[in-house]
PDB file of all heavy atoms in Angstrom:
ATOM      1  N   ASP A   1      54.249  58.027 -29.281  1.00  0.00           N
ATOM      2  CA  ASP A   1      53.724  57.128 -28.249  1.00  0.00           C
ATOM      3  C   ASP A   1      53.538  57.899 -26.943  1.00  0.00           C
ATOM      4  O   ASP A   1      54.512  58.285 -26.299  1.00  0.00           O
ATOM      5  CB  ASP A   1      54.694  55.963 -28.033  1.00  0.00           C
ATOM      6  CG  ASP A   1      54.145  54.934 -27.053  1.00  0.00           C
ATOM      7  OD1 ASP A   1      53.028  55.138 -26.537  1.00  0.00           O
ATOM      8  OD2 ASP A   1      54.833  53.924 -26.823  1.00  0.00           O
ATOM      9  N   PRO A   2      52.295  58.119 -26.507  1.00  0.00           N
ATOM     10  CA  PRO A   2      52.079  58.908 -25.282  1.00  0.00           C
ATOM     11  C   PRO A   2      52.392  58.151 -23.994  1.00  0.00           C
ATOM     12  O   PRO A   2      52.638  58.769 -22.969  1.00  0.00           O
ATOM     13  CB  PRO A   2      50.595  59.262 -25.353  1.00  0.00           C
ATOM     14  CG  PRO A   2      49.991  58.161 -26.158  1.00  0.00           C
ATOM     15  CD  PRO A   2      51.029  57.759 -27.163  1.00  0.00           C
ATOM     16  N   ARG A   3      52.342  56.819 -24.041  1.00  0.00           N
ATOM     17  CA  ARG A   3      52.519  55.991 -22.837  1.00  0.00           C
ATOM     18  C   ARG A   3      51.581  56.441 -21.716  1.00  0.00           C
ATOM     19  O   ARG A   3      51.924  56.430 -20.542  1.00  0.00           O
ATOM     20  CB  ARG A   3      53.980  56.015 -22.378  1.00  0.00           C
ATOM     21  CG  ARG A   3      54.939  55.450 -23.421  1.00  0.00           C
ATOM     22  CD  ARG A   3      56.358  55.386 -22.955  1.00  0.00           C
ATOM     23  NE  ARG A   3      57.233  55.060 -24.088  1.00  0.00           N
ATOM     24  CZ  ARG A   3      58.560  55.059 -24.034  1.00  0.00           C
ATOM     25  NH1 ARG A   3      59.165  55.372 -22.904  1.00  0.00           N
ATOM     26  NH2 ARG A   3      59.274  54.765 -25.089  1.00  0.00           N
ATOM     27  N   LEU A   4      50.425  56.854 -22.135  1.00  0.00           N
ATOM     28  CA  LEU A   4      49.361  57.250 -21.203  1.00  0.00           C
ATOM     29  C   LEU A   4      48.066  56.741 -21.811  1.00  0.00           C
ATOM     30  O   LEU A   4      47.295  57.491 -22.400  1.00  0.00           O
ATOM     31  CB  LEU A   4      49.334  58.772 -21.040  1.00  0.00           C
ATOM     32  CG  LEU A   4      48.371  59.330 -19.989  1.00  0.00           C
ATOM     33  CD1 LEU A   4      48.793  58.932 -18.590  1.00  0.00           C
ATOM     34  CD2 LEU A   4      48.295  60.853 -20.097  1.00  0.00           C
ATOM     35  N   TYR A   5      47.837  55.446 -21.679  1.00  0.00           N
ATOM     36  CA  TYR A   5      46.828  54.798 -22.501  1.00  0.00           C
ATOM     37  C   TYR A   5      45.424  54.865 -21.923  1.00  0.00           C
ATOM     38  O   TYR A   5      44.452  54.673 -22.655  1.00  0.00           O
ATOM     39  CB  TYR A   5      47.235  53.339 -22.754  1.00  0.00           C
ATOM     40  CG  TYR A   5      48.628  53.222 -23.312  1.00  0.00           C
ATOM     41  CD1 TYR A   5      49.628  52.547 -22.619  1.00  0.00           C
ATOM     42  CD2 TYR A   5      48.961  53.831 -24.521  1.00  0.00           C
ATOM     43  CE1 TYR A   5      50.917  52.460 -23.123  1.00  0.00           C
ATOM     44  CE2 TYR A   5      50.242  53.749 -25.035  1.00  0.00           C
ATOM     45  CZ  TYR A   5      51.220  53.060 -24.331  1.00  0.00           C
ATOM     46  OH  TYR A   5      52.495  52.994 -24.825  1.00  0.00           O
ATOM     47  N   GLN A   6      45.283  55.132 -20.613  1.00  0.00           N
ATOM     48  CA  GLN A   6      43.927  55.281 -20.100  1.00  0.00           C
ATOM     49  C   GLN A   6      43.309  56.586 -20.574  1.00  0.00           C
ATOM     50  O   GLN A   6      42.097  56.727 -20.647  1.00  0.00           O
ATOM     51  CB  GLN A   6      43.908  55.177 -18.568  1.00  0.00           C
ATOM     52  CG  GLN A   6      44.377  56.420 -17.824  1.00  0.00           C
ATOM     53  CD  GLN A   6      45.879  56.430 -17.626  1.00  0.00           C
ATOM     54  OE1 GLN A   6      46.626  55.788 -18.353  1.00  0.00           O
ATOM     55  NE2 GLN A   6      46.348  57.159 -16.617  1.00  0.00           N
ATOM     56  N   TYR A   7      44.145  57.567 -20.905  1.00  0.00           N
ATOM     57  CA  TYR A   7      43.703  58.770 -21.602  1.00  0.00           C
ATOM     58  C   TYR A   7      43.947  58.510 -23.086  1.00  0.00           C
ATOM     59  O   TYR A   7      45.088  58.446 -23.528  1.00  0.00           O
ATOM     60  CB  TYR A   7      44.499  59.999 -21.166  1.00  0.00           C
ATOM     61  CG  TYR A   7      44.201  60.512 -19.779  1.00  0.00           C
ATOM     62  CD1 TYR A   7      43.367  59.814 -18.901  1.00  0.00           C
ATOM     63  CD2 TYR A   7      44.759  61.695 -19.325  1.00  0.00           C
ATOM     64  CE1 TYR A   7      43.110  60.291 -17.632  1.00  0.00           C
ATOM     65  CE2 TYR A   7      44.507  62.182 -18.048  1.00  0.00           C
ATOM     66  CZ  TYR A   7      43.682  61.465 -17.199  1.00  0.00           C
ATOM     67  OH  TYR A   7      43.425  61.939 -15.939  1.00  0.00           O
ATOM     68  N   GLY A   8      42.884  58.356 -23.847  1.00  0.00           N
ATOM     69  CA  GLY A   8      43.007  57.895 -25.213  1.00  0.00           C
ATOM     70  C   GLY A   8      43.606  58.913 -26.167  1.00  0.00           C
ATOM     71  O   GLY A   8      43.748  60.107 -25.854  1.00  0.00           O
ATOM     72  N   GLY A   9      43.930  58.429 -27.358  1.00  0.00           N
ATOM     73  CA  GLY A   9      44.527  59.278 -28.370  1.00  0.00           C
ATOM     74  C   GLY A   9      43.625  60.414 -28.808  1.00  0.00           C
ATOM     75  O   GLY A   9      44.107  61.462 -29.254  1.00  0.00           O
ATOM     76  N   LEU A  10      42.320  60.230 -28.684  1.00  0.00           N
ATOM     77  CA  LEU A  10      41.394  61.293 -29.059  1.00  0.00           C
ATOM     78  C   LEU A  10      41.465  62.460 -28.077  1.00  0.00           C
ATOM     79  O   LEU A  10      40.933  63.537 -28.344  1.00  0.00           O
ATOM     80  CB  LEU A  10      39.962  60.748 -29.130  1.00  0.00           C
ATOM     81  CG  LEU A  10      38.959  61.546 -29.963  1.00  0.00           C
ATOM     82  CD1 LEU A  10      39.438  61.707 -31.394  1.00  0.00           C
ATOM     83  CD2 LEU A  10      37.586  60.890 -29.931  1.00  0.00           C
ATOM     84  N   TRP A  11      42.115  62.240 -26.945  1.00  0.00           N
ATOM     85  CA  TRP A  11      42.386  63.318 -26.005  1.00  0.00           C
ATOM     86  C   TRP A  11      43.830  63.807 -26.143  1.00  0.00           C
ATOM     87  O   TRP A  11      44.096  65.009 -26.248  1.00  0.00           O
ATOM     88  CB  TRP A  11      42.144  62.868 -24.567  1.00  0.00           C
ATOM     89  CG  TRP A  11      42.667  63.814 -23.532  1.00  0.00           C
ATOM     90  CD1 TRP A  11      43.829  63.725 -22.833  1.00  0.00           C
ATOM     91  CD2 TRP A  11      42.053  65.034 -23.089  1.00  0.00           C
ATOM     92  NE1 TRP A  11      43.988  64.787 -21.983  1.00  0.00           N
ATOM     93  CE2 TRP A  11      42.909  65.609 -22.116  1.00  0.00           C
ATOM     94  CE3 TRP A  11      40.869  65.692 -23.416  1.00  0.00           C
ATOM     95  CZ2 TRP A  11      42.610  66.808 -21.475  1.00  0.00           C
ATOM     96  CZ3 TRP A  11      40.567  66.891 -22.778  1.00  0.00           C
ATOM     97  CH2 TRP A  11      41.429  67.431 -21.818  1.00  0.00           C
ATOM     98  N   ILE A  12      44.781  62.886 -26.190  1.00  0.00           N
ATOM     99  CA  ILE A  12      46.196  63.242 -26.163  1.00  0.00           C
ATOM    100  C   ILE A  12      46.626  64.004 -27.408  1.00  0.00           C
ATOM    101  O   ILE A  12      47.258  65.068 -27.331  1.00  0.00           O
ATOM    102  CB  ILE A  12      47.066  61.982 -25.994  1.00  0.00           C
ATOM    103  CG1 ILE A  12      46.887  61.400 -24.582  1.00  0.00           C
ATOM    104  CG2 ILE A  12      48.544  62.308 -26.239  1.00  0.00           C
ATOM    105  CD1 ILE A  12      47.433  62.259 -23.478  1.00  0.00           C
ATOM    106  N   TYR A  13      46.291  63.476 -28.590  1.00  0.00           N
ATOM    107  CA  TYR A  13      46.785  64.105 -29.818  1.00  0.00           C
ATOM    108  C   TYR A  13      46.176  65.486 -30.068  1.00  0.00           C
ATOM    109  O   TYR A  13      46.906  66.427 -30.431  1.00  0.00           O
ATOM    110  CB  TYR A  13      46.578  63.163 -31.005  1.00  0.00           C
ATOM    111  CG  TYR A  13      47.356  61.873 -30.864  1.00  0.00           C
ATOM    112  CD1 TYR A  13      46.724  60.636 -30.927  1.00  0.00           C
ATOM    113  CD2 TYR A  13      48.727  61.889 -30.648  1.00  0.00           C
ATOM    114  CE1 TYR A  13      47.438  59.451 -30.783  1.00  0.00           C
ATOM    115  CE2 TYR A  13      49.451  60.714 -30.499  1.00  0.00           C
ATOM    116  CZ  TYR A  13      48.800  59.497 -30.566  1.00  0.00           C
ATOM    117  OH  TYR A  13      49.518  58.338 -30.421  1.00  0.00           O
ATOM    118  N   PRO A  14      44.853  65.675 -29.886  1.00  0.00           N
ATOM    119  CA  PRO A  14      44.338  67.047 -29.972  1.00  0.00           C
ATOM    120  C   PRO A  14      44.952  67.972 -28.924  1.00  0.00           C
ATOM    121  O   PRO A  14      45.195  69.158 -29.206  1.00  0.00           O
ATOM    122  CB  PRO A  14      42.833  66.874 -29.752  1.00  0.00           C
ATOM    123  CG  PRO A  14      42.549  65.482 -30.208  1.00  0.00           C
ATOM    124  CD  PRO A  14      43.758  64.697 -29.799  1.00  0.00           C
ATOM    125  N   ALA A  15      45.226  67.441 -27.718  1.00  0.00           N
ATOM    126  CA  ALA A  15      45.866  68.260 -26.688  1.00  0.00           C
ATOM    127  C   ALA A  15      47.248  68.697 -27.148  1.00  0.00           C
ATOM    128  O   ALA A  15      47.662  69.848 -26.912  1.00  0.00           O
ATOM    129  CB  ALA A  15      45.970  67.480 -25.382  1.00  0.00           C
ATOM    130  N   GLY A  16      47.969  67.800 -27.803  1.00  0.00           N
ATOM    131  CA  GLY A  16      49.284  68.154 -28.325  1.00  0.00           C
ATOM    132  C   GLY A  16      49.204  69.254 -29.373  1.00  0.00           C
ATOM    133  O   GLY A  16      50.041  70.176 -29.389  1.00  0.00           O
ATOM    134  N   MET A  17      48.201  69.180 -30.240  1.00  0.00           N
ATOM    135  CA  MET A  17      48.034  70.222 -31.260  1.00  0.00           C
ATOM    136  C   MET A  17      47.689  71.560 -30.619  1.00  0.00           C
ATOM    137  O   MET A  17      48.161  72.614 -31.057  1.00  0.00           O
ATOM    138  CB  MET A  17      46.955  69.803 -32.256  1.00  0.00           C
ATOM    139  CG  MET A  17      47.378  68.668 -33.172  1.00  0.00           C
ATOM    140  SD  MET A  17      46.190  68.347 -34.505  1.00  0.00           S
ATOM    141  CE  MET A  17      44.814  67.651 -33.584  1.00  0.00           C
ATOM    142  N   ILE A  18      46.868  71.532 -29.574  1.00  0.00           N
ATOM    143  CA  ILE A  18      46.497  72.772 -28.887  1.00  0.00           C
ATOM    144  C   ILE A  18      47.715  73.401 -28.230  1.00  0.00           C
ATOM    145  O   ILE A  18      47.937  74.619 -28.321  1.00  0.00           O
ATOM    146  CB  ILE A  18      45.394  72.484 -27.847  1.00  0.00           C
ATOM    147  CG1 ILE A  18      44.079  72.135 -28.554  1.00  0.00           C
ATOM    148  CG2 ILE A  18      45.203  73.672 -26.907  1.00  0.00           C
ATOM    149  CD1 ILE A  18      43.011  71.619 -27.626  1.00  0.00           C
ATOM    150  N   VAL A  19      48.523  72.589 -27.556  1.00  0.00           N
ATOM    151  CA  VAL A  19      49.734  73.091 -26.907  1.00  0.00           C
ATOM    152  C   VAL A  19      50.695  73.680 -27.939  1.00  0.00           C
ATOM    153  O   VAL A  19      51.287  74.755 -27.734  1.00  0.00           O
ATOM    154  CB  VAL A  19      50.415  71.959 -26.108  1.00  0.00           C
ATOM    155  CG1 VAL A  19      51.821  72.360 -25.679  1.00  0.00           C
ATOM    156  CG2 VAL A  19      49.574  71.601 -24.882  1.00  0.00           C
ATOM    157  N   LYS A  20      50.844  72.983 -29.063  1.00  0.00           N
ATOM    158  CA  LYS A  20      51.745  73.479 -30.114  1.00  0.00           C
ATOM    159  C   LYS A  20      51.241  74.792 -30.687  1.00  0.00           C
ATOM    160  O   LYS A  20      52.024  75.741 -30.865  1.00  0.00           O
ATOM    161  CB  LYS A  20      51.852  72.426 -31.226  1.00  0.00           C
ATOM    162  CG  LYS A  20      52.880  72.760 -32.302  1.00  0.00           C
ATOM    163  CD  LYS A  20      54.290  72.760 -31.741  1.00  0.00           C
ATOM    164  CE  LYS A  20      55.331  72.976 -32.816  1.00  0.00           C
ATOM    165  NZ  LYS A  20      56.705  73.025 -32.270  1.00  0.00           N
ATOM    166  N   CYS A  21      49.961  74.873 -30.959  1.00  0.00           N
ATOM    167  CA  CYS A  21      49.388  76.113 -31.508  1.00  0.00           C
ATOM    168  C   CYS A  21      49.509  77.266 -30.518  1.00  0.00           C
ATOM    169  O   CYS A  21      49.712  78.425 -30.916  1.00  0.00           O
ATOM    170  CB  CYS A  21      47.925  75.901 -31.874  1.00  0.00           C
ATOM    171  SG  CYS A  21      47.681  74.846 -33.326  1.00  0.00           S
ATOM    172  N   ALA A  22      49.422  76.968 -29.213  1.00  0.00           N
ATOM    173  CA  ALA A  22      49.532  78.016 -28.199  1.00  0.00           C
ATOM    174  C   ALA A  22      50.906  78.657 -28.216  1.00  0.00           C
ATOM    175  O   ALA A  22      51.044  79.874 -28.028  1.00  0.00           O
ATOM    176  CB  ALA A  22      49.233  77.429 -26.817  1.00  0.00           C
ATOM    177  N   THR A  23      51.945  77.859 -28.463  1.00  0.00           N
ATOM    178  CA  THR A  23      53.298  78.413 -28.529  1.00  0.00           C
ATOM    179  C   THR A  23      53.567  79.097 -29.860  1.00  0.00           C
ATOM    180  O   THR A  23      54.242  80.123 -29.914  1.00  0.00           O
ATOM    181  CB  THR A  23      54.333  77.302 -28.289  1.00  0.00           C
ATOM    182  OG1 THR A  23      54.114  76.234 -29.236  1.00  0.00           O
ATOM    183  CG2 THR A  23      54.202  76.737 -26.880  1.00  0.00           C
ATOM    184  N   LEU A  24      53.026  78.535 -30.950  1.00  0.00           N
ATOM    185  CA  LEU A  24      53.256  79.129 -32.270  1.00  0.00           C
ATOM    186  C   LEU A  24      52.578  80.486 -32.414  1.00  0.00           C
ATOM    187  O   LEU A  24      53.095  81.382 -33.079  1.00  0.00           O
ATOM    188  CB  LEU A  24      52.766  78.179 -33.370  1.00  0.00           C
ATOM    189  CG  LEU A  24      53.571  76.893 -33.574  1.00  0.00           C
ATOM    190  CD1 LEU A  24      52.913  76.010 -34.633  1.00  0.00           C
ATOM    191  CD2 LEU A  24      55.013  77.209 -33.969  1.00  0.00           C
ATOM    192  N   THR A  25      51.404  80.627 -31.810  1.00  0.00           N
ATOM    193  CA  THR A  25      50.662  81.887 -31.920  1.00  0.00           C
ATOM    194  C   THR A  25      51.113  82.926 -30.906  1.00  0.00           C
ATOM    195  O   THR A  25      50.697  84.087 -30.984  1.00  0.00           O
ATOM    196  CB  THR A  25      49.156  81.636 -31.727  1.00  0.00           C
ATOM    197  OG1 THR A  25      48.930  81.029 -30.435  1.00  0.00           O
ATOM    198  CG2 THR A  25      48.624  80.709 -32.819  1.00  0.00           C
ATOM    199  N   GLY A  26      51.951  82.519 -29.952  1.00  0.00           N
ATOM    200  CA  GLY A  26      52.436  83.458 -28.958  1.00  0.00           C
ATOM    201  C   GLY A  26      51.547  83.596 -27.744  1.00  0.00           C
ATOM    202  O   GLY A  26      51.841  84.398 -26.848  1.00  0.00           O
ATOM    203  N   TYR A  27      50.442  82.827 -27.699  1.00  0.00           N
ATOM    204  CA  TYR A  27      49.594  82.874 -26.502  1.00  0.00           C
ATOM    205  C   TYR A  27      50.387  82.449 -25.271  1.00  0.00           C
ATOM    206  O   TYR A  27      50.251  83.032 -24.190  1.00  0.00           O
ATOM    207  CB  TYR A  27      48.377  81.968 -26.687  1.00  0.00           C
ATOM    208  CG  TYR A  27      47.521  81.838 -25.447  1.00  0.00           C
ATOM    209  CD1 TYR A  27      46.730  82.898 -25.018  1.00  0.00           C
ATOM    210  CD2 TYR A  27      47.518  80.659 -24.708  1.00  0.00           C
ATOM    211  CE1 TYR A  27      45.955  82.778 -23.871  1.00  0.00           C
ATOM    212  CE2 TYR A  27      46.738  80.534 -23.563  1.00  0.00           C
ATOM    213  CZ  TYR A  27      45.967  81.601 -23.145  1.00  0.00           C
ATOM    214  OH  TYR A  27      45.210  81.479 -22.010  1.00  0.00           O
ATOM    215  N   VAL A  28      51.252  81.443 -25.447  1.00  0.00           N
ATOM    216  CA  VAL A  28      52.195  81.044 -24.412  1.00  0.00           C
ATOM    217  C   VAL A  28      53.590  81.456 -24.880  1.00  0.00           C
ATOM    218  O   VAL A  28      54.018  81.076 -25.975  1.00  0.00           O
ATOM    219  CB  VAL A  28      52.153  79.528 -24.163  1.00  0.00           C
ATOM    220  CG1 VAL A  28      53.208  79.132 -23.123  1.00  0.00           C
ATOM    221  CG2 VAL A  28      50.764  79.107 -23.688  1.00  0.00           C
ATOM    222  N   ARG A  29      54.288  82.230 -24.073  1.00  0.00           N
ATOM    223  CA  ARG A  29      55.612  82.715 -24.462  1.00  0.00           C
ATOM    224  C   ARG A  29      56.597  81.563 -24.605  1.00  0.00           C
ATOM    225  O   ARG A  29      56.623  80.649 -23.791  1.00  0.00           O
ATOM    226  CB  ARG A  29      56.145  83.701 -23.425  1.00  0.00           C
ATOM    227  CG  ARG A  29      55.564  85.099 -23.544  1.00  0.00           C
ATOM    228  CD  ARG A  29      56.393  86.063 -22.716  1.00  0.00           C
ATOM    229  NE  ARG A  29      56.314  85.754 -21.288  1.00  0.00           N
ATOM    230  CZ  ARG A  29      57.300  85.987 -20.424  1.00  0.00           C
ATOM    231  NH1 ARG A  29      58.451  86.479 -20.827  1.00  0.00           N
ATOM    232  NH2 ARG A  29      57.127  85.712 -19.141  1.00  0.00           N
ATOM    233  N   SER A  30      57.416  81.621 -25.638  1.00  0.00           N
ATOM    234  CA  SER A  30      58.455  80.627 -25.847  1.00  0.00           C
ATOM    235  C   SER A  30      59.714  81.045 -25.099  1.00  0.00           C
ATOM    236  O   SER A  30      59.963  82.241 -24.904  1.00  0.00           O
ATOM    237  CB  SER A  30      58.762  80.477 -27.338  1.00  0.00           C
ATOM    238  OG  SER A  30      57.623  80.042 -28.046  1.00  0.00           O
ATOM    239  N   PRO A  31      60.521  80.080 -24.671  1.00  0.00           N
ATOM    240  CA  PRO A  31      61.757  80.432 -23.950  1.00  0.00           C
ATOM    241  C   PRO A  31      62.746  81.128 -24.867  1.00  0.00           C
ATOM    242  O   PRO A  31      62.750  80.898 -26.082  1.00  0.00           O
ATOM    243  CB  PRO A  31      62.289  79.064 -23.492  1.00  0.00           C
ATOM    244  CG  PRO A  31      61.675  78.076 -24.418  1.00  0.00           C
ATOM    245  CD  PRO A  31      60.335  78.629 -24.781  1.00  0.00           C
ATOM    246  N   PRO A  32      63.590  81.978 -24.315  1.00  0.00           N
ATOM    247  CA  PRO A  32      64.640  82.614 -25.127  1.00  0.00           C
ATOM    248  C   PRO A  32      65.565  81.574 -25.742  1.00  0.00           C
ATOM    249  O   PRO A  32      65.694  80.454 -25.233  1.00  0.00           O
ATOM    250  CB  PRO A  32      65.380  83.491 -24.109  1.00  0.00           C
ATOM    251  CG  PRO A  32      64.440  83.659 -22.965  1.00  0.00           C
ATOM    252  CD  PRO A  32      63.622  82.413 -22.914  1.00  0.00           C
ATOM    253  N   THR A  33      66.209  81.927 -26.807  1.00  0.00           N
ATOM    254  CA  THR A  33      67.134  81.020 -27.482  1.00  0.00           C
ATOM    255  C   THR A  33      68.220  80.557 -26.517  1.00  0.00           C
ATOM    256  O   THR A  33      68.853  81.370 -25.826  1.00  0.00           O
ATOM    257  CB  THR A  33      67.783  81.718 -28.694  1.00  0.00           C
ATOM    258  OG1 THR A  33      66.759  82.182 -29.569  1.00  0.00           O
ATOM    259  CG2 THR A  33      68.695  80.749 -29.446  1.00  0.00           C
ATOM    260  N   GLY A  34      68.415  79.255 -26.461  1.00  0.00           N
ATOM    261  CA  GLY A  34      69.438  78.691 -25.589  1.00  0.00           C
ATOM    262  C   GLY A  34      68.934  78.287 -24.216  1.00  0.00           C
ATOM    263  O   GLY A  34      69.657  77.625 -23.461  1.00  0.00           O
ATOM    264  N   THR A  35      67.696  78.674 -23.874  1.00  0.00           N
ATOM    265  CA  THR A  35      67.118  78.308 -22.572  1.00  0.00           C
ATOM    266  C   THR A  35      66.199  77.113 -22.749  1.00  0.00           C
ATOM    267  O   THR A  35      65.240  77.181 -23.522  1.00  0.00           O
ATOM    268  CB  THR A  35      66.320  79.473 -21.983  1.00  0.00           C
ATOM    269  OG1 THR A  35      67.157  80.613 -21.835  1.00  0.00           O
ATOM    270  CG2 THR A  35      65.743  79.089 -20.621  1.00  0.00           C
ATOM    271  N   PRO A  36      66.474  76.000 -22.060  1.00  0.00           N
ATOM    272  CA  PRO A  36      65.577  74.840 -22.152  1.00  0.00           C
ATOM    273  C   PRO A  36      64.160  75.206 -21.723  1.00  0.00           C
ATOM    274  O   PRO A  36      63.969  75.999 -20.793  1.00  0.00           O
ATOM    275  CB  PRO A  36      66.214  73.820 -21.205  1.00  0.00           C
ATOM    276  CG  PRO A  36      67.653  74.221 -21.103  1.00  0.00           C
ATOM    277  CD  PRO A  36      67.648  75.723 -21.219  1.00  0.00           C
ATOM    278  N   SER A  37      63.183  74.619 -22.392  1.00  0.00           N
ATOM    279  CA  SER A  37      61.784  74.946 -22.102  1.00  0.00           C
ATOM    280  C   SER A  37      61.432  74.700 -20.653  1.00  0.00           C
ATOM    281  O   SER A  37      60.750  75.514 -20.009  1.00  0.00           O
ATOM    282  CB  SER A  37      60.865  74.118 -23.013  1.00  0.00           C
ATOM    283  OG  SER A  37      61.062  74.452 -24.361  1.00  0.00           O
TER     284      SER A  37
END
């Protein structure tokens, strides 16, 4: 539930996938183990 309904799911959910892929591929560095994001 995004709780951001004026920005529709066709924007929010693809944005979430892009953000996730950015961290998985290393384009965005992940925090060290034990450090909150």
